[in-house]
Amino acid sequence: MEVCRCGVERSRLEALGYNFDLSPIATASPAATARATSGAAHGLPGLLVGYRDANVSRAWRIVFTLLFLILVGGVGYGLVTYTHLPLAPTRENVEIVATLEGHTKTAGNSGNAITSFLSLPGTVAVLEPAMTATDLLKPMSDANLETGFCSASLARQIRYQFPGFYESWPDDKLERVALEKYPEFQDRLCVLPVSLGVSPDDVVTYRLRQRTIVEWTILWSRTALITGLFAMALLNVYYRLLVPRLSA
C-alpha cells in the first residue's frame, strides 16, 4: 500500500482522479553543475573576467599575484617616468623672459650686459626667426655666451674688441670716428664671436610653460589605458596558459 506524504492512500487519490508521475527526478551531478556554471560565462565578459583557478594551490596564487603586481606596477611606473616628462622646448611651449638685444638696451652703459642677462631666470637658447612653432630652440651654454660683450655704448664695444688701443679716447670722439668709417655700427649692441653664428636678437632666455588640465587628462588617461591593457594581457596568459598546467 502506498501512502502520500500527507497521509492519504494513493488508491483513494487515484479514485478521485489524481494522477501521479513516478519517474525519478534527475539530479545534476557535480561535474555537470560545474560545466553549466562555466558555460554560463560565454562571450567577451566570460573570456576576460570569467576565469577560475580553484584547482591552483594557494602558494602558486600568492606567487603569481605578487608577480602580477610587480609587472603591472613596473609598467605603470615606467610610463610615468618616460612619458610624463617636461614639455619639449619648442616655440609653442616656451615663455620668453628676455632677448639679449632687449636686455642690453635696458641695461644701460654699465659693464657687460651679458653678465646680468645670464642672471635672469630661465634657460639660455637661440630662437631664430625662421623657426616654426614645433621647432626646438637651439641650446647655448653660458660659457660660450660669456665670450662676447654687449653694451648700449658703442665706445665700450670698440674698446672690448680692440683692447688697449682707445683707452685715452673720449667716448663721444671714439663713437663719432667709428661711425664715420663704419656707419653700420650705428645699431650694433654686441660683439659676439663669429663661431656662435647668432645675433643678439636671436639669443633668449626662456621658461617652459605648464601643461593644461586637458593635456594632463589625456596623458594620464593614456597611461591608465596602456597599463590596463598590459594587466589584461597578463591575466589572459595566467588563466589560459598557466592555470591548465598547474591544475593538471
Protein backbone atom coordinates (compact mmCIF):
# COMPACT_ATOMS: atom_id res chain seq x y z
CA MET A 1 0.00 0.00 0.00
CA GLU A 2 1.32 3.38 -0.95
CA VAL A 3 0.60 6.40 1.19
CA CYS A 4 1.08 10.03 0.21
CA ARG A 5 3.24 12.26 2.34
CA CYS A 6 0.06 13.93 3.53
CA GLY A 7 -1.16 10.59 4.94
CA VAL A 8 -3.81 9.79 2.29
CA GLU A 9 -3.69 6.45 0.48
CA ARG A 10 -2.66 6.62 -3.18
CA SER A 11 -5.61 4.44 -4.35
CA ARG A 12 -8.09 6.82 -2.81
CA LEU A 13 -6.48 9.81 -4.54
CA GLU A 14 -6.45 7.97 -7.87
CA ALA A 15 -10.14 7.20 -7.45
CA LEU A 16 -10.76 10.89 -7.09
CA GLY A 17 -8.99 11.50 -10.42
CA TYR A 18 -5.42 12.45 -9.34
CA ASN A 19 -2.54 11.16 -11.48
CA PHE A 20 0.98 10.55 -10.21
CA ASP A 21 4.25 10.78 -12.18
CA LEU A 22 6.52 8.22 -10.58
CA SER A 23 9.50 8.81 -12.90
CA PRO A 24 12.64 9.63 -10.91
CA ILE A 25 13.65 13.24 -10.70
CA ALA A 26 17.01 13.75 -12.43
CA THR A 27 19.59 15.45 -10.31
CA ALA A 28 22.62 17.10 -11.83
CA SER A 29 25.99 15.70 -10.98
CA PRO A 30 28.65 17.99 -9.51
CA ALA A 31 30.62 17.80 -12.78
CA ALA A 32 27.57 18.79 -14.81
CA THR A 33 26.87 21.65 -12.41
CA ALA A 34 30.43 22.85 -12.81
CA ARG A 35 30.14 22.64 -16.60
CA ALA A 36 26.90 24.60 -16.52
CA THR A 37 28.43 27.23 -14.31
CA SER A 38 31.47 27.62 -16.52
CA GLY A 39 29.33 27.52 -19.66
CA ALA A 40 27.24 30.41 -18.39
CA ALA A 41 30.25 32.70 -18.69
CA HIS A 42 30.43 32.79 -22.52
CA GLY A 43 31.07 35.89 -24.61
CA LEU A 44 33.57 38.69 -24.09
CA PRO A 45 32.92 39.19 -20.34
CA GLY A 46 33.37 35.49 -19.75
CA LEU A 47 36.59 35.38 -21.73
CA LEU A 48 38.07 38.36 -19.88
CA VAL A 49 36.87 38.01 -16.29
CA GLY A 50 35.07 34.67 -16.06
CA TYR A 51 38.14 32.54 -15.40
CA ARG A 52 38.55 30.32 -12.36
CA ASP A 53 41.70 28.98 -10.71
CA ALA A 54 40.11 26.93 -7.94
CA ASN A 55 42.44 23.99 -8.58
CA VAL A 56 45.62 26.08 -8.23
CA SER A 57 47.35 25.86 -4.88
CA ARG A 58 47.39 28.83 -2.59
CA ALA A 59 51.18 29.08 -2.80
CA TRP A 60 51.12 29.42 -6.58
CA ARG A 61 48.34 32.02 -6.33
CA ILE A 62 50.44 34.12 -3.98
CA VAL A 63 53.48 33.84 -6.25
CA PHE A 64 51.59 34.86 -9.37
CA THR A 65 49.71 37.63 -7.56
CA LEU A 66 52.97 39.19 -6.40
CA LEU A 67 54.48 38.78 -9.87
CA PHE A 68 51.38 40.38 -11.42
CA LEU A 69 51.55 43.39 -9.09
CA ILE A 70 55.28 43.84 -9.72
CA LEU A 71 54.95 43.69 -13.51
CA VAL A 72 51.89 45.95 -13.74
CA GLY A 73 53.39 48.39 -11.23
CA GLY A 74 56.66 48.42 -13.17
CA VAL A 75 54.92 49.17 -16.46
CA GLY A 76 52.89 51.97 -14.87
CA TYR A 77 55.98 53.46 -13.23
CA GLY A 78 57.93 53.25 -16.47
CA LEU A 79 55.20 55.01 -18.41
CA VAL A 80 55.02 57.82 -15.87
CA THR A 81 58.82 58.14 -15.82
CA TYR A 82 59.35 58.26 -19.57
CA THR A 83 56.15 59.94 -20.81
CA HIS A 84 55.37 62.48 -18.05
CA LEU A 85 58.49 64.49 -18.80
CA PRO A 86 58.52 68.29 -19.06
CA LEU A 87 57.34 69.70 -22.36
CA ALA A 88 59.85 69.90 -25.18
CA PRO A 89 61.38 73.39 -25.56
CA THR A 90 59.61 74.26 -28.82
CA ARG A 91 58.47 77.75 -29.74
CA GLU A 92 54.88 76.96 -28.72
CA ASN A 93 55.90 75.55 -25.34
CA VAL A 94 58.14 78.34 -24.03
CA GLU A 95 57.62 81.73 -22.47
CA ILE A 96 60.33 84.21 -23.48
CA VAL A 97 61.73 86.01 -20.45
CA ALA A 98 64.02 88.40 -22.39
CA THR A 99 66.13 88.71 -25.51
CA LEU A 100 69.79 89.65 -25.33
CA GLU A 101 69.18 92.66 -27.55
CA GLY A 102 66.26 93.96 -25.49
CA HIS A 103 68.07 93.39 -22.22
CA THR A 104 71.18 95.23 -23.49
CA LYS A 105 69.09 98.28 -24.44
CA THR A 106 67.59 98.49 -20.96
CA ALA A 107 70.80 97.64 -19.08
CA GLY A 108 72.44 100.98 -19.91
CA ASN A 109 76.14 101.60 -20.42
CA SER A 110 77.48 99.99 -17.26
CA GLY A 111 79.60 96.92 -17.83
CA ASN A 112 78.86 93.86 -19.92
CA ALA A 113 75.11 93.31 -20.27
CA ILE A 114 75.70 89.60 -20.86
CA THR A 115 76.58 89.15 -17.18
CA SER A 116 73.23 90.48 -15.98
CA PHE A 117 71.43 88.68 -18.83
CA LEU A 118 72.73 85.32 -17.62
CA SER A 119 71.46 86.09 -14.10
CA LEU A 120 67.85 86.33 -15.36
CA PRO A 121 65.54 83.38 -14.56
CA GLY A 122 65.17 80.75 -17.25
CA THR A 123 67.36 78.90 -19.74
CA VAL A 124 69.51 80.48 -22.45
CA ALA A 125 68.91 79.34 -26.04
CA VAL A 126 68.77 80.53 -29.63
CA LEU A 127 65.42 81.33 -31.20
CA GLU A 128 65.82 82.07 -34.89
CA PRO A 129 63.10 83.96 -36.81
CA ALA A 130 62.72 81.11 -39.32
CA MET A 131 61.76 78.59 -36.61
CA THR A 132 58.21 77.25 -36.63
CA ALA A 133 56.05 76.62 -33.58
CA THR A 134 57.17 72.98 -33.37
CA ASP A 135 60.91 73.56 -33.86
CA LEU A 136 63.16 73.03 -30.87
CA LEU A 137 65.12 76.01 -29.58
CA LYS A 138 68.86 75.61 -30.02
CA PRO A 139 70.66 75.31 -26.68
CA MET A 140 73.51 77.68 -25.85
CA SER A 141 75.88 77.34 -22.93
CA ASP A 142 76.55 80.26 -20.63
CA ALA A 143 80.30 79.82 -21.12
CA ASN A 144 80.03 80.34 -24.88
CA LEU A 145 77.90 83.44 -24.50
CA GLU A 146 80.29 84.92 -21.92
CA THR A 147 82.97 85.14 -24.62
CA GLY A 148 81.06 88.07 -26.11
CA PHE A 149 80.41 91.63 -24.96
CA CYS A 150 77.16 93.61 -25.06
CA SER A 151 76.61 97.26 -24.19
CA ALA A 152 74.47 100.15 -25.32
CA SER A 153 77.71 102.14 -25.55
CA LEU A 154 79.47 101.76 -28.90
CA ALA A 155 82.69 103.10 -27.34
CA ARG A 156 82.72 100.24 -24.81
CA GLN A 157 82.19 97.72 -27.60
CA ILE A 158 85.16 99.09 -29.55
CA ARG A 159 87.44 99.07 -26.51
CA TYR A 160 86.44 95.44 -25.83
CA GLN A 161 87.09 94.49 -29.46
CA PHE A 162 90.44 96.36 -29.59
CA PRO A 163 91.80 96.29 -26.03
CA GLY A 164 94.50 98.85 -25.20
CA PHE A 165 94.14 100.97 -28.36
CA TYR A 166 91.47 103.53 -27.49
CA GLU A 167 91.66 103.80 -23.72
CA SER A 168 92.61 107.51 -23.86
CA TRP A 169 89.91 108.49 -26.36
CA PRO A 170 86.75 110.14 -25.05
CA ASP A 171 83.59 108.12 -25.72
CA ASP A 172 81.97 110.75 -27.97
CA LYS A 173 85.08 111.12 -30.16
CA LEU A 174 85.57 107.37 -30.43
CA GLU A 175 81.94 106.79 -31.42
CA ARG A 176 82.00 109.68 -33.96
CA VAL A 177 85.15 108.44 -35.69
CA ALA A 178 83.91 104.83 -35.69
CA LEU A 179 80.53 105.74 -37.22
CA GLU A 180 82.19 107.89 -39.90
CA LYS A 181 84.19 104.89 -41.01
CA TYR A 182 81.65 102.14 -40.20
CA PRO A 183 78.09 103.53 -40.39
CA GLU A 184 76.70 100.00 -39.86
CA PHE A 185 77.86 100.23 -36.24
CA GLN A 186 75.04 102.68 -35.54
CA ASP A 187 72.66 100.00 -34.22
CA ARG A 188 75.25 97.48 -33.04
CA LEU A 189 74.80 96.36 -29.45
CA CYS A 190 77.03 93.32 -29.10
CA VAL A 191 80.40 91.98 -30.13
CA LEU A 192 79.86 88.22 -30.38
CA PRO A 193 82.31 85.60 -31.66
CA VAL A 194 81.68 84.59 -35.27
CA SER A 195 81.75 80.95 -34.15
CA LEU A 196 78.46 81.44 -32.31
CA GLY A 197 76.72 82.35 -35.55
CA VAL A 198 73.94 84.29 -33.82
CA SER A 199 72.76 87.86 -33.47
CA PRO A 200 71.75 89.37 -30.12
CA ASP A 201 68.07 89.42 -31.03
CA ASP A 202 68.18 85.61 -31.54
CA VAL A 203 69.58 84.87 -28.07
CA VAL A 204 66.81 84.50 -25.49
CA THR A 205 66.22 83.20 -22.01
CA TYR A 206 63.02 81.21 -21.63
CA ARG A 207 60.83 79.22 -19.25
CA LEU A 208 58.76 76.16 -20.14
CA ARG A 209 55.02 76.57 -19.81
CA GLN A 210 52.97 74.20 -17.65
CA ARG A 211 50.63 71.58 -19.13
CA THR A 212 46.94 72.44 -19.20
CA ILE A 213 44.30 70.36 -17.40
CA VAL A 214 43.22 68.88 -20.74
CA GLU A 215 46.80 67.86 -21.55
CA TRP A 216 47.27 66.24 -18.14
CA THR A 217 43.94 64.41 -18.50
CA ILE A 218 44.92 62.99 -21.90
CA LEU A 219 48.37 61.99 -20.62
CA TRP A 220 47.07 60.17 -17.52
CA SER A 221 44.24 58.54 -19.49
CA ARG A 222 46.74 57.15 -21.99
CA THR A 223 48.93 55.86 -19.17
CA ALA A 224 45.98 54.17 -17.46
CA LEU A 225 44.79 52.62 -20.73
CA ILE A 226 48.19 51.13 -21.63
CA THR A 227 48.69 49.83 -18.09
CA GLY A 228 45.19 48.31 -18.07
CA LEU A 229 45.73 46.56 -21.41
CA PHE A 230 49.02 45.13 -20.14
CA ALA A 231 47.32 43.88 -16.97
CA MET A 232 44.55 42.24 -19.03
CA ALA A 233 47.15 40.53 -21.23
CA LEU A 234 48.88 39.12 -18.13
CA LEU A 235 45.57 37.81 -16.77
CA ASN A 236 44.86 36.03 -20.04
CA VAL A 237 48.31 34.45 -20.05
CA TYR A 238 47.80 33.27 -16.47
CA TYR A 239 44.29 31.85 -16.88
CA ARG A 240 44.65 30.48 -20.41
CA LEU A 241 48.17 29.07 -20.31
CA LEU A 242 49.33 28.63 -16.71
CA VAL A 243 46.17 27.60 -14.83
CA PRO A 244 45.51 24.49 -17.01
CA ARG A 245 49.09 23.30 -16.46
CA LEU A 246 49.07 23.99 -12.74
CA SER A 247 45.66 22.32 -12.33
CA ALA A 248 46.83 19.21 -14.17
